[in-house]
C-alpha atoms as a PDB file:
ATOM      1  CA  MET A   1     113.580 120.787 120.643  1.00  0.00           C
ATOM      2  CA  ILE A   2     115.817 121.730 117.705  1.00  0.00           C
ATOM      3  CA  ASN A   3     115.628 125.229 116.224  1.00  0.00           C
ATOM      4  CA  LEU A   4     116.276 124.671 112.517  1.00  0.00           C
ATOM      5  CA  ALA A   5     116.654 128.373 111.742  1.00  0.00           C
ATOM      6  CA  GLU A   6     119.472 128.662 114.276  1.00  0.00           C
ATOM      7  CA  GLU A   7     121.135 125.397 113.289  1.00  0.00           C
ATOM      8  CA  LEU A   8     121.172 126.266 109.589  1.00  0.00           C
ATOM      9  CA  LYS A   9     122.231 129.906 109.841  1.00  0.00           C
ATOM     10  CA  GLN A  10     124.992 130.542 107.258  1.00  0.00           C
ATOM     11  CA  VAL A  11     125.284 126.819 106.527  1.00  0.00           C
ATOM     12  CA  ARG A  12     126.346 125.899 102.994  1.00  0.00           C
ATOM     13  CA  PHE A  13     126.180 122.107 102.884  1.00  0.00           C
ATOM     14  CA  VAL A  14     123.655 119.886 104.695  1.00  0.00           C
ATOM     15  CA  ALA A  15     123.712 116.091 104.504  1.00  0.00           C
ATOM     16  CA  ILE A  16     120.854 113.840 105.605  1.00  0.00           C
ATOM     17  CA  ALA A  17     121.113 110.079 106.076  1.00  0.00           C
ATOM     18  CA  GLY A  18     119.090 107.224 107.522  1.00  0.00           C
ATOM     19  CA  HIS A  19     119.882 103.714 108.641  1.00  0.00           C
ATOM     20  CA  VAL A  20     121.047 100.773 106.551  1.00  0.00           C
ATOM     21  CA  ARG A  21     118.341  98.868 104.656  1.00  0.00           C
ATOM     22  CA  PRO A  22     116.055 101.932 104.810  1.00  0.00           C
ATOM     23  CA  ASP A  23     112.414 101.295 105.649  1.00  0.00           C
ATOM     24  CA  GLY A  24     109.432 103.601 105.183  1.00  0.00           C
ATOM     25  CA  ASP A  25     110.222 105.781 108.194  1.00  0.00           C
ATOM     26  CA  ALA A  26     113.923 106.209 107.421  1.00  0.00           C
ATOM     27  CA  THR A  27     113.125 107.030 103.791  1.00  0.00           C
ATOM     28  CA  GLY A  28     110.145 109.246 104.587  1.00  0.00           C
ATOM     29  CA  SER A  29     111.811 111.250 107.351  1.00  0.00           C
ATOM     30  CA  CYS A  30     114.970 111.845 105.298  1.00  0.00           C
ATOM     31  CA  LEU A  31     113.162 112.906 102.132  1.00  0.00           C
ATOM     32  CA  GLY A  32     110.552 114.862 104.080  1.00  0.00           C
ATOM     33  CA  LEU A  33     113.258 116.985 105.723  1.00  0.00           C
ATOM     34  CA  TYR A  34     115.120 117.212 102.408  1.00  0.00           C
ATOM     35  CA  HIS A  35     112.194 118.792 100.537  1.00  0.00           C
ATOM     36  CA  TYR A  36     111.507 121.221 103.387  1.00  0.00           C
ATOM     37  CA  LEU A  37     115.105 122.431 103.487  1.00  0.00           C
ATOM     38  CA  LYS A  38     115.314 122.673  99.704  1.00  0.00           C
ATOM     39  CA  LYS A  39     112.282 124.942  99.619  1.00  0.00           C
ATOM     40  CA  ASN A  40     113.076 127.125 102.612  1.00  0.00           C
ATOM     41  CA  TYR A  41     116.891 127.275 102.374  1.00  0.00           C
ATOM     42  CA  PRO A  42     117.450 127.614  98.617  1.00  0.00           C
ATOM     43  CA  GLU A  43     121.033 128.844  99.022  1.00  0.00           C
ATOM     44  CA  THR A  44     122.025 125.682 100.899  1.00  0.00           C
ATOM     45  CA  ASP A  45     123.245 122.524  99.187  1.00  0.00           C
ATOM     46  CA  VAL A  46     121.065 119.761 100.681  1.00  0.00           C
ATOM     47  CA  ARG A  47     121.681 116.080  99.918  1.00  0.00           C
ATOM     48  CA  VAL A  48     120.107 112.814 101.076  1.00  0.00           C
ATOM     49  CA  TYR A  49     122.170 109.642 101.418  1.00  0.00           C
ATOM     50  CA  LEU A  50     120.450 106.249 101.581  1.00  0.00           C
ATOM     51  CA  GLU A  51     121.145 102.708 100.524  1.00  0.00           C
ATOM     52  CA  ASN A  52     118.933 101.365  97.742  1.00  0.00           C
ATOM     53  CA  THR A  53     115.301 101.475  98.817  1.00  0.00           C
ATOM     54  CA  PRO A  54     112.552  98.909  98.117  1.00  0.00           C
ATOM     55  CA  GLN A  55     110.829  99.086  94.742  1.00  0.00           C
ATOM     56  CA  ALA A  56     107.613 100.067  96.540  1.00  0.00           C
ATOM     57  CA  TYR A  57     109.132 103.510  97.170  1.00  0.00           C
ATOM     58  CA  SER A  58     109.999 104.142  93.512  1.00  0.00           C
ATOM     59  CA  LYS A  59     107.383 106.900  93.150  1.00  0.00           C
ATOM     60  CA  VAL A  60     108.168 108.694  96.417  1.00  0.00           C
ATOM     61  CA  PRO A  61     108.973 112.363  95.700  1.00  0.00           C
ATOM     62  CA  GLY A  62     112.728 112.895  95.616  1.00  0.00           C
ATOM     63  CA  ILE A  63     113.741 109.227  95.579  1.00  0.00           C
ATOM     64  CA  ASP A  64     115.603 109.743  92.290  1.00  0.00           C
ATOM     65  CA  GLU A  65     117.679 112.521  93.892  1.00  0.00           C
ATOM     66  CA  VAL A  66     119.131 110.300  96.632  1.00  0.00           C
ATOM     67  CA  PHE A  67     122.895 109.714  96.791  1.00  0.00           C
ATOM     68  CA  HIS A  68     123.978 106.128  97.438  1.00  0.00           C
ATOM     69  CA  GLU A  69     127.667 106.802  98.041  1.00  0.00           C
ATOM     70  CA  VAL A  70     129.701 109.464  99.831  1.00  0.00           C
ATOM     71  CA  GLY A  71     132.005 111.529  97.664  1.00  0.00           C
ATOM     72  CA  GLU A  72     135.698 111.688  98.518  1.00  0.00           C
ATOM     73  CA  ASN A  73     135.688 115.342  99.569  1.00  0.00           C
ATOM     74  CA  GLU A  74     132.136 115.706 100.876  1.00  0.00           C
ATOM     75  CA  ALA A  75     132.230 117.284 104.345  1.00  0.00           C
ATOM     76  CA  PRO A  76     128.870 118.691 105.488  1.00  0.00           C
ATOM     77  CA  ASP A  77     128.537 121.705 107.742  1.00  0.00           C
ATOM     78  CA  VAL A  78     125.534 119.987 109.343  1.00  0.00           C
ATOM     79  CA  PHE A  79     124.745 116.292 109.200  1.00  0.00           C
ATOM     80  CA  PHE A  80     121.242 115.104 110.098  1.00  0.00           C
ATOM     81  CA  CYS A  81     121.218 111.473 111.213  1.00  0.00           C
ATOM     82  CA  LEU A  82     117.619 110.229 111.122  1.00  0.00           C
ATOM     83  CA  ASP A  83     116.020 107.069 112.525  1.00  0.00           C
ATOM     84  CA  CYS A  84     119.386 105.622 113.640  1.00  0.00           C
ATOM     85  CA  ALA A  85     119.716 104.142 117.112  1.00  0.00           C
ATOM     86  CA  ASP A  86     123.505 104.179 116.940  1.00  0.00           C
ATOM     87  CA  GLU A  87     126.338 105.176 114.641  1.00  0.00           C
ATOM     88  CA  LYS A  88     126.837 101.626 113.339  1.00  0.00           C
ATOM     89  CA  ARG A  89     123.363 101.730 111.790  1.00  0.00           C
ATOM     90  CA  LEU A  90     124.596 104.416 109.385  1.00  0.00           C
ATOM     91  CA  GLY A  91     126.705 101.864 107.546  1.00  0.00           C
ATOM     92  CA  GLY A  92     128.943 103.542 104.980  1.00  0.00           C
ATOM     93  CA  PHE A  93     127.364 106.933 105.639  1.00  0.00           C
ATOM     94  CA  ALA A  94     129.056 107.060 109.047  1.00  0.00           C
ATOM     95  CA  GLU A  95     131.844 108.765 107.109  1.00  0.00           C
ATOM     96  CA  LEU A  96     129.608 111.841 106.837  1.00  0.00           C
ATOM     97  CA  LYS A  97     129.335 111.950 110.607  1.00  0.00           C
ATOM     98  CA  LYS A  98     133.115 111.875 110.954  1.00  0.00           C
ATOM     99  CA  ARG A  99     133.586 114.737 108.496  1.00  0.00           C
ATOM    100  CA  ALA A 100     130.666 116.941 109.613  1.00  0.00           C
ATOM    101  CA  LYS A 101     131.194 120.090 111.642  1.00  0.00           C
ATOM    102  CA  ARG A 102     127.946 119.476 113.531  1.00  0.00           C
ATOM    103  CA  VAL A 103     125.847 116.324 113.876  1.00  0.00           C
ATOM    104  CA  ILE A 104     122.134 116.308 114.726  1.00  0.00           C
ATOM    105  CA  CYS A 105     120.347 113.057 115.564  1.00  0.00           C
ATOM    106  CA  ILE A 106     116.553 112.776 115.345  1.00  0.00           C
ATOM    107  CA  ASP A 107     115.268 109.397 116.445  1.00  0.00           C
ATOM    108  CA  HIS A 108     112.601 107.478 118.376  1.00  0.00           C
ATOM    109  CA  HIS A 109     114.415 104.261 119.296  1.00  0.00           C
ATOM    110  CA  VAL A 110     114.491 103.531 123.026  1.00  0.00           C
ATOM    111  CA  SER A 111     117.982 102.057 122.620  1.00  0.00           C
ATOM    112  CA  ASN A 112     119.454 105.350 121.348  1.00  0.00           C
ATOM    113  CA  GLY A 113     121.838 106.708 123.987  1.00  0.00           C
ATOM    114  CA  GLY A 114     122.591 109.931 122.104  1.00  0.00           C
ATOM    115  CA  PHE A 115     125.722 109.944 119.950  1.00  0.00           C
ATOM    116  CA  ALA A 116     125.479 113.309 118.183  1.00  0.00           C
ATOM    117  CA  ASP A 117     126.270 116.917 119.062  1.00  0.00           C
ATOM    118  CA  VAL A 118     122.531 117.577 119.272  1.00  0.00           C
ATOM    119  CA  ASN A 119     120.115 114.755 120.077  1.00  0.00           C
ATOM    120  CA  TYR A 120     116.344 114.905 119.701  1.00  0.00           C
ATOM    121  CA  ILE A 121     115.266 111.444 120.854  1.00  0.00           C
ATOM    122  CA  VAL A 122     111.671 110.713 121.869  1.00  0.00           C
ATOM    123  CA  PRO A 123     111.106 106.959 122.397  1.00  0.00           C
ATOM    124  CA  ASP A 124     107.347 107.416 122.817  1.00  0.00           C
ATOM    125  CA  ALA A 125     106.970 108.961 119.363  1.00  0.00           C
ATOM    126  CA  SER A 126     105.384 106.833 116.663  1.00  0.00           C
ATOM    127  CA  SER A 127     108.163 107.475 114.183  1.00  0.00           C
ATOM    128  CA  THR A 128     111.074 109.689 113.287  1.00  0.00           C
ATOM    129  CA  SER A 129     108.816 111.211 110.620  1.00  0.00           C
ATOM    130  CA  GLU A 130     106.533 112.441 113.410  1.00  0.00           C
ATOM    131  CA  LEU A 131     109.509 114.051 115.154  1.00  0.00           C
ATOM    132  CA  VAL A 132     110.634 115.751 111.947  1.00  0.00           C
ATOM    133  CA  PHE A 133     107.119 117.149 111.528  1.00  0.00           C
ATOM    134  CA  ARG A 134     107.316 118.730 114.993  1.00  0.00           C
ATOM    135  CA  LEU A 135     110.412 120.696 113.928  1.00  0.00           C
ATOM    136  CA  LEU A 136     108.904 122.201 110.791  1.00  0.00           C
ATOM    137  CA  ASP A 137     106.786 125.271 110.148  1.00  0.00           C
ATOM    138  CA  GLU A 138     103.506 123.874 108.868  1.00  0.00           C
ATOM    139  CA  GLU A 139     102.824 126.952 106.736  1.00  0.00           C
ATOM    140  CA  LYS A 140     106.149 126.525 104.919  1.00  0.00           C
ATOM    141  CA  MET A 141     105.800 122.785 104.326  1.00  0.00           C
ATOM    142  CA  PRO A 142     105.681 121.690 100.666  1.00  0.00           C
ATOM    143  CA  VAL A 143     103.391 118.865  99.621  1.00  0.00           C
ATOM    144  CA  GLU A 144     106.434 116.667  98.878  1.00  0.00           C
ATOM    145  CA  THR A 145     107.416 116.876 102.539  1.00  0.00           C
ATOM    146  CA  ALA A 146     103.875 116.004 103.608  1.00  0.00           C
ATOM    147  CA  GLU A 147     103.801 112.946 101.336  1.00  0.00           C
ATOM    148  CA  ASN A 148     107.091 111.585 102.659  1.00  0.00           C
ATOM    149  CA  LEU A 149     106.332 112.199 106.330  1.00  0.00           C
ATOM    150  CA  TYR A 150     102.911 110.603 105.948  1.00  0.00           C
ATOM    151  CA  MET A 151     104.531 107.517 104.432  1.00  0.00           C
ATOM    152  CA  GLY A 152     106.997 107.326 107.300  1.00  0.00           C
ATOM    153  CA  ILE A 153     104.274 107.528 109.918  1.00  0.00           C
ATOM    154  CA  VAL A 154     102.114 104.985 108.094  1.00  0.00           C
ATOM    155  CA  HIS A 155     104.931 102.436 107.964  1.00  0.00           C
ATOM    156  CA  ASP A 156     106.103 102.693 111.562  1.00  0.00           C
ATOM    157  CA  THR A 157     102.554 102.599 112.938  1.00  0.00           C
ATOM    158  CA  GLY A 158     101.433  99.722 110.705  1.00  0.00           C
ATOM    159  CA  VAL A 159      98.801 102.028 109.185  1.00  0.00           C
ATOM    160  CA  PHE A 160      97.932 103.423 112.624  1.00  0.00           C
ATOM    161  CA  ARG A 161      97.414 100.002 114.237  1.00  0.00           C
ATOM    162  CA  HIS A 162     100.449  99.764 116.520  1.00  0.00           C
ATOM    163  CA  SER A 163     100.401 100.853 120.146  1.00  0.00           C
ATOM    164  CA  CYS A 164     102.833 103.671 119.344  1.00  0.00           C
ATOM    165  CA  THR A 165      99.994 105.502 117.561  1.00  0.00           C
ATOM    166  CA  SER A 166      98.967 108.384 119.813  1.00  0.00           C
ATOM    167  CA  PRO A 167      96.243 111.020 119.452  1.00  0.00           C
ATOM    168  CA  GLU A 168      99.004 113.434 118.416  1.00  0.00           C
ATOM    169  CA  THR A 169     100.078 110.997 115.711  1.00  0.00           C
ATOM    170  CA  MET A 170      96.569 111.013 114.266  1.00  0.00           C
ATOM    171  CA  GLU A 171      96.409 114.806 114.456  1.00  0.00           C
ATOM    172  CA  ILE A 172      99.699 115.084 112.579  1.00  0.00           C
ATOM    173  CA  ALA A 173      98.467 112.630 109.930  1.00  0.00           C
ATOM    174  CA  ALA A 174      95.320 114.741 109.509  1.00  0.00           C
ATOM    175  CA  THR A 175      97.424 117.881 109.093  1.00  0.00           C
ATOM    176  CA  LEU A 176      99.513 116.190 106.410  1.00  0.00           C
ATOM    177  CA  MET A 177      96.372 115.025 104.605  1.00  0.00           C
ATOM    178  CA  ARG A 178      95.115 118.613 104.514  1.00  0.00           C
ATOM    179  CA  LYS A 179      98.156 119.449 102.394  1.00  0.00           C
ATOM    180  CA  GLY A 180      96.394 117.624  99.581  1.00  0.00           C
ATOM    181  CA  ILE A 181      98.342 114.378  99.560  1.00  0.00           C
ATOM    182  CA  ASP A 182      96.958 111.143  98.125  1.00  0.00           C
ATOM    183  CA  ALA A 183      96.820 109.385 101.508  1.00  0.00           C
ATOM    184  CA  ALA A 184      95.131 106.196 100.284  1.00  0.00           C
ATOM    185  CA  GLY A 185      97.495 105.936  97.329  1.00  0.00           C
ATOM    186  CA  ILE A 186     100.564 106.301  99.566  1.00  0.00           C
ATOM    187  CA  ILE A 187      99.299 103.529 101.866  1.00  0.00           C
ATOM    188  CA  ASN A 188      98.459 101.170  99.023  1.00  0.00           C
ATOM    189  CA  ARG A 189     101.576 101.762  96.903  1.00  0.00           C
ATOM    190  CA  THR A 190     104.168 101.707  99.667  1.00  0.00           C
ATOM    191  CA  PHE A 191     102.651  99.476 102.356  1.00  0.00           C
ATOM    192  CA  TYR A 192     100.088  97.005 101.005  1.00  0.00           C
ATOM    193  CA  ASP A 193     100.975  96.399  97.354  1.00  0.00           C
ATOM    194  CA  LYS A 194     103.246  93.383  96.886  1.00  0.00           C
ATOM    195  CA  THR A 195     104.807  91.801  93.835  1.00  0.00           C
ATOM    196  CA  TYR A 196     103.919  88.254  92.853  1.00  0.00           C
ATOM    197  CA  HIS A 197     107.265  86.989  94.183  1.00  0.00           C
ATOM    198  CA  GLN A 198     106.828  88.839  97.468  1.00  0.00           C
ATOM    199  CA  ASN A 199     103.487  87.145  97.942  1.00  0.00           C
ATOM    200  CA  GLN A 200     105.053  83.789  97.095  1.00  0.00           C
ATOM    201  CA  ILE A 201     107.772  84.116  99.732  1.00  0.00           C
ATOM    202  CA  LEU A 202     105.192  85.353 102.249  1.00  0.00           C
ATOM    203  CA  GLY A 203     103.128  82.246 101.541  1.00  0.00           C
ATOM    204  CA  ARG A 204     106.199  80.068 102.053  1.00  0.00           C
ATOM    205  CA  ALA A 205     106.944  81.766 105.392  1.00  0.00           C
ATOM    206  CA  LEU A 206     103.361  81.299 106.588  1.00  0.00           C
ATOM    207  CA  LEU A 207     103.143  77.716 105.378  1.00  0.00           C
ATOM    208  CA  GLU A 208     106.288  76.751 107.285  1.00  0.00           C
ATOM    209  CA  SER A 209     105.600  78.794 110.428  1.00  0.00           C
ATOM    210  CA  ILE A 210     105.590  76.992 113.780  1.00  0.00           C
ATOM    211  CA  LEU A 211     103.771  77.703 117.043  1.00  0.00           C
ATOM    212  CA  LEU A 212     105.780  77.377 120.259  1.00  0.00           C
ATOM    213  CA  MET A 213     105.387  77.850 124.002  1.00  0.00           C
ATOM    214  CA  ASP A 214     101.743  76.850 124.264  1.00  0.00           C
ATOM    215  CA  LYS A 215     100.992  78.821 121.067  1.00  0.00           C
ATOM    216  CA  LYS A 216     102.219  82.098 122.592  1.00  0.00           C
ATOM    217  CA  VAL A 217     105.091  82.357 120.086  1.00  0.00           C
ATOM    218  CA  ILE A 218     105.059  81.950 116.318  1.00  0.00           C
ATOM    219  CA  PHE A 219     108.217  81.780 114.263  1.00  0.00           C
ATOM    220  CA  SER A 220     109.255  81.303 110.665  1.00  0.00           C
ATOM    221  CA  ALA A 221     112.576  81.329 108.843  1.00  0.00           C
ATOM    222  CA  ILE A 222     113.688  81.835 105.252  1.00  0.00           C
ATOM    223  CA  ARG A 223     117.031  80.470 104.071  1.00  0.00           C
ATOM    224  CA  GLN A 224     119.194  82.014 101.382  1.00  0.00           C
ATOM    225  CA  LYS A 225     118.498  79.142  98.987  1.00  0.00           C
ATOM    226  CA  GLU A 226     114.766  79.860  99.271  1.00  0.00           C
ATOM    227  CA  MET A 227     115.317  83.556  98.590  1.00  0.00           C
ATOM    228  CA  ASP A 228     117.330  82.596  95.515  1.00  0.00           C
ATOM    229  CA  PHE A 229     114.619  80.188  94.342  1.00  0.00           C
ATOM    230  CA  TYR A 230     111.895  82.848  94.501  1.00  0.00           C
ATOM    231  CA  GLY A 231     114.161  85.609  93.204  1.00  0.00           C
ATOM    232  CA  VAL A 232     113.745  87.902  96.197  1.00  0.00           C
ATOM    233  CA  GLY A 233     116.040  89.976  98.397  1.00  0.00           C
ATOM    234  CA  PRO A 234     115.907  91.186 102.006  1.00  0.00           C
ATOM    235  CA  SER A 235     113.661  94.148 101.172  1.00  0.00           C
ATOM    236  CA  ASP A 236     111.081  91.746  99.744  1.00  0.00           C
ATOM    237  CA  LEU A 237     110.709  90.194 103.196  1.00  0.00           C
ATOM    238  CA  ASP A 238     109.473  93.417 104.804  1.00  0.00           C
ATOM    239  CA  GLY A 239     106.158  92.932 106.548  1.00  0.00           C
ATOM    240  CA  ILE A 240     106.345  89.157 106.987  1.00  0.00           C
ATOM    241  CA  VAL A 241     106.912  89.399 110.731  1.00  0.00           C
ATOM    242  CA  GLN A 242     103.873  91.641 111.087  1.00  0.00           C
ATOM    243  CA  VAL A 243     101.689  89.156 109.240  1.00  0.00           C
ATOM    244  CA  LEU A 244     102.933  86.442 111.599  1.00  0.00           C
ATOM    245  CA  MET A 245     102.061  88.729 114.526  1.00  0.00           C
ATOM    246  CA  SER A 246      98.453  88.891 113.314  1.00  0.00           C
ATOM    247  CA  THR A 247      97.995  85.243 114.353  1.00  0.00           C
ATOM    248  CA  ALA A 248      95.319  85.225 117.043  1.00  0.00           C
ATOM    249  CA  ASP A 249      96.372  84.583 120.662  1.00  0.00           C
ATOM    250  CA  THR A 250     100.109  84.837 119.982  1.00  0.00           C
ATOM    251  CA  GLU A 251     102.215  87.169 122.118  1.00  0.00           C
ATOM    252  CA  VAL A 252     105.467  87.196 120.119  1.00  0.00           C
ATOM    253  CA  ALA A 253     106.363  86.714 116.452  1.00  0.00           C
ATOM    254  CA  ILE A 254     109.893  85.794 115.390  1.00  0.00           C
ATOM    255  CA  PHE A 255     111.017  85.978 111.776  1.00  0.00           C
ATOM    256  CA  LEU A 256     114.543  85.286 110.598  1.00  0.00           C
ATOM    257  CA  TYR A 257     116.228  85.196 107.245  1.00  0.00           C
ATOM    258  CA  GLU A 258     119.697  84.036 106.335  1.00  0.00           C
ATOM    259  CA  VAL A 259     122.225  86.718 105.383  1.00  0.00           C
ATOM    260  CA  SER A 260     125.218  84.352 105.229  1.00  0.00           C
ATOM    261  CA  PRO A 261     125.839  80.745 106.283  1.00  0.00           C
ATOM    262  CA  GLN A 262     124.714  80.315 109.912  1.00  0.00           C
ATOM    263  CA  THR A 263     124.005  84.052 110.271  1.00  0.00           C
ATOM    264  CA  PHE A 264     120.446  85.348 110.490  1.00  0.00           C
ATOM    265  CA  LYS A 265     118.734  88.718 110.582  1.00  0.00           C
ATOM    266  CA  VAL A 266     116.055  88.485 113.271  1.00  0.00           C
ATOM    267  CA  SER A 267     112.853  90.531 113.487  1.00  0.00           C
ATOM    268  CA  LEU A 268     110.761  90.467 116.669  1.00  0.00           C
ATOM    269  CA  ARG A 269     107.254  91.731 117.346  1.00  0.00           C
ATOM    270  CA  SER A 270     105.158  91.502 120.525  1.00  0.00           C
ATOM    271  CA  ARG A 271     101.558  92.187 121.386  1.00  0.00           C
ATOM    272  CA  GLU A 272     101.245  93.216 125.042  1.00  0.00           C
ATOM    273  CA  PHE A 273     103.600  91.766 127.656  1.00  0.00           C
ATOM    274  CA  VAL A 274     107.029  91.105 126.146  1.00  0.00           C
ATOM    275  CA  ASP A 275     109.595  93.881 125.707  1.00  0.00           C
ATOM    276  CA  VAL A 276     111.403  92.680 122.582  1.00  0.00           C
ATOM    277  CA  SER A 277     113.799  95.651 122.608  1.00  0.00           C
ATOM    278  CA  THR A 278     115.568  94.250 125.677  1.00  0.00           C
ATOM    279  CA  ILE A 279     115.860  90.842 124.015  1.00  0.00           C
ATOM    280  CA  ALA A 280     117.257  92.346 120.823  1.00  0.00           C
ATOM    281  CA  ALA A 281     119.687  94.497 122.829  1.00  0.00           C
ATOM    282  CA  TYR A 282     120.964  91.409 124.679  1.00  0.00           C
ATOM    283  CA  PHE A 283     121.989  89.964 121.304  1.00  0.00           C
ATOM    284  CA  GLY A 284     123.565  93.196 120.056  1.00  0.00           C
ATOM    285  CA  GLY A 285     120.544  94.726 118.340  1.00  0.00           C
ATOM    286  CA  GLY A 286     117.870  97.189 119.387  1.00  0.00           C
ATOM    287  CA  GLY A 287     114.574  98.811 118.534  1.00  0.00           C
ATOM    288  CA  HIS A 288     111.287  99.429 120.284  1.00  0.00           C
ATOM    289  CA  ILE A 289     109.374  97.698 123.049  1.00  0.00           C
ATOM    290  CA  ARG A 290     106.987  96.049 120.579  1.00  0.00           C
ATOM    291  CA  ALA A 291     109.252  95.907 117.503  1.00  0.00           C
ATOM    292  CA  ALA A 292     112.966  95.173 117.458  1.00  0.00           C
ATOM    293  CA  GLY A 293     115.659  93.239 115.675  1.00  0.00           C
ATOM    294  CA  CYS A 294     119.190  91.886 115.772  1.00  0.00           C
ATOM    295  CA  THR A 295     121.631  89.653 113.928  1.00  0.00           C
ATOM    296  CA  MET A 296     122.465  86.225 115.390  1.00  0.00           C
ATOM    297  CA  GLN A 297     124.686  83.289 114.502  1.00  0.00           C
ATOM    298  CA  GLY A 298     124.064  79.570 114.708  1.00  0.00           C
ATOM    299  CA  SER A 299     121.441  77.250 113.297  1.00  0.00           C
ATOM    300  CA  ILE A 300     117.819  78.339 113.039  1.00  0.00           C
ATOM    301  CA  TYR A 301     116.978  76.273 116.091  1.00  0.00           C
ATOM    302  CA  ASP A 302     119.912  77.716 118.062  1.00  0.00           C
ATOM    303  CA  VAL A 303     118.642  81.210 117.342  1.00  0.00           C
ATOM    304  CA  VAL A 304     115.016  80.454 118.188  1.00  0.00           C
ATOM    305  CA  ASN A 305     115.892  78.535 121.350  1.00  0.00           C
ATOM    306  CA  ASN A 306     118.064  81.387 122.630  1.00  0.00           C
ATOM    307  CA  ILE A 307     115.361  83.966 121.969  1.00  0.00           C
ATOM    308  CA  THR A 308     112.535  81.930 123.485  1.00  0.00           C
ATOM    309  CA  LEU A 309     114.479  81.548 126.731  1.00  0.00           C
ATOM    310  CA  HIS A 310     114.237  85.326 127.157  1.00  0.00           C
ATOM    311  CA  ILE A 311     110.585  85.385 126.107  1.00  0.00           C
ATOM    312  CA  GLU A 312     109.774  82.647 128.614  1.00  0.00           C
ATOM    313  CA  LYS A 313     111.501  84.605 131.380  1.00  0.00           C
ATOM    314  CA  GLN A 314     109.446  87.729 130.684  1.00  0.00           C
ATOM    315  CA  LEU A 315     106.180  85.816 130.422  1.00  0.00           C
ATOM    316  CA  ARG A 316     106.929  84.060 133.722  1.00  0.00           C
ATOM    317  CA  GLN A 317     107.583  87.410 135.400  1.00  0.00           C
ATOM    318  CA  GLU A 318     104.287  88.690 134.035  1.00  0.00           C
ATOM    319  CA  ARG A 319     102.395  85.665 135.407  1.00  0.00           C
ATOM    320  CA  ASP A 320     104.083  85.964 138.803  1.00  0.00           C
ATOM    321  CA  SER A 321     103.150  89.633 139.077  1.00  0.00           C
ATOM    322  CA  ASP A 322      99.432  88.942 138.556  1.00  0.00           C
END
């Protein structure tokens, strides 16, 4: 466990960053810690660095104070790396890690081998936001911190539906709600509400989805030309894979979208038997047992065929063990 009081003693400049293409947990954990440090360490210069976040997070407290680029001479005394399984996931903010006197990693990805000076990695935790909560003094927590951490937990648990949701997760959520946050509003604004174009592209993905492997696998793909037609970007595709996963009797959902010709970002979700983190890791990615991702090259069918070979192997092992 990290002792923040000891780590921040006589520290002048603290930087906080999350992974590329920040989701709800990366954004929530970073801004949650940011507000806590701002309130309780007023003499310290605290800054958050994130890439542009989805429009759904536009009303999150502190989002307008985020830095999107690293200054030429910015060298933090302490750098908090949140929700990053490895240094590459920091993108351009890896420069802060290089310049920092001390690096602290807080993360819950099973693929994180520990790349910082201090590593607080708990793969069983629901989210990095939950881990940040454990480090803070509840009595000193401002409502802005509670709002951001609640959002982070909500997003990485799928509104408390995923298997990573533990009794402790629910207890933490209850504690955050007692701070007076608008829990329902946070869920609706940042998780459920979609723009018209987001709903259109979701409909396209569902309409063109395909069942494979005796209906145990569902997959869908969106090409760049389709994203251009509907006027959407990668952040507008968040949540599609989870909707695919809600298809009854499926074990694995695969969603891919084109990032450049013959290159696809792949999102994987599983229900009970398949460890998608090992599949993603095989192709250079990572994540969690039930939620992972990677980037792959080839045609759509090349990508899907390669992934389903690994899914089939795991399902066969599961059948043989029964």
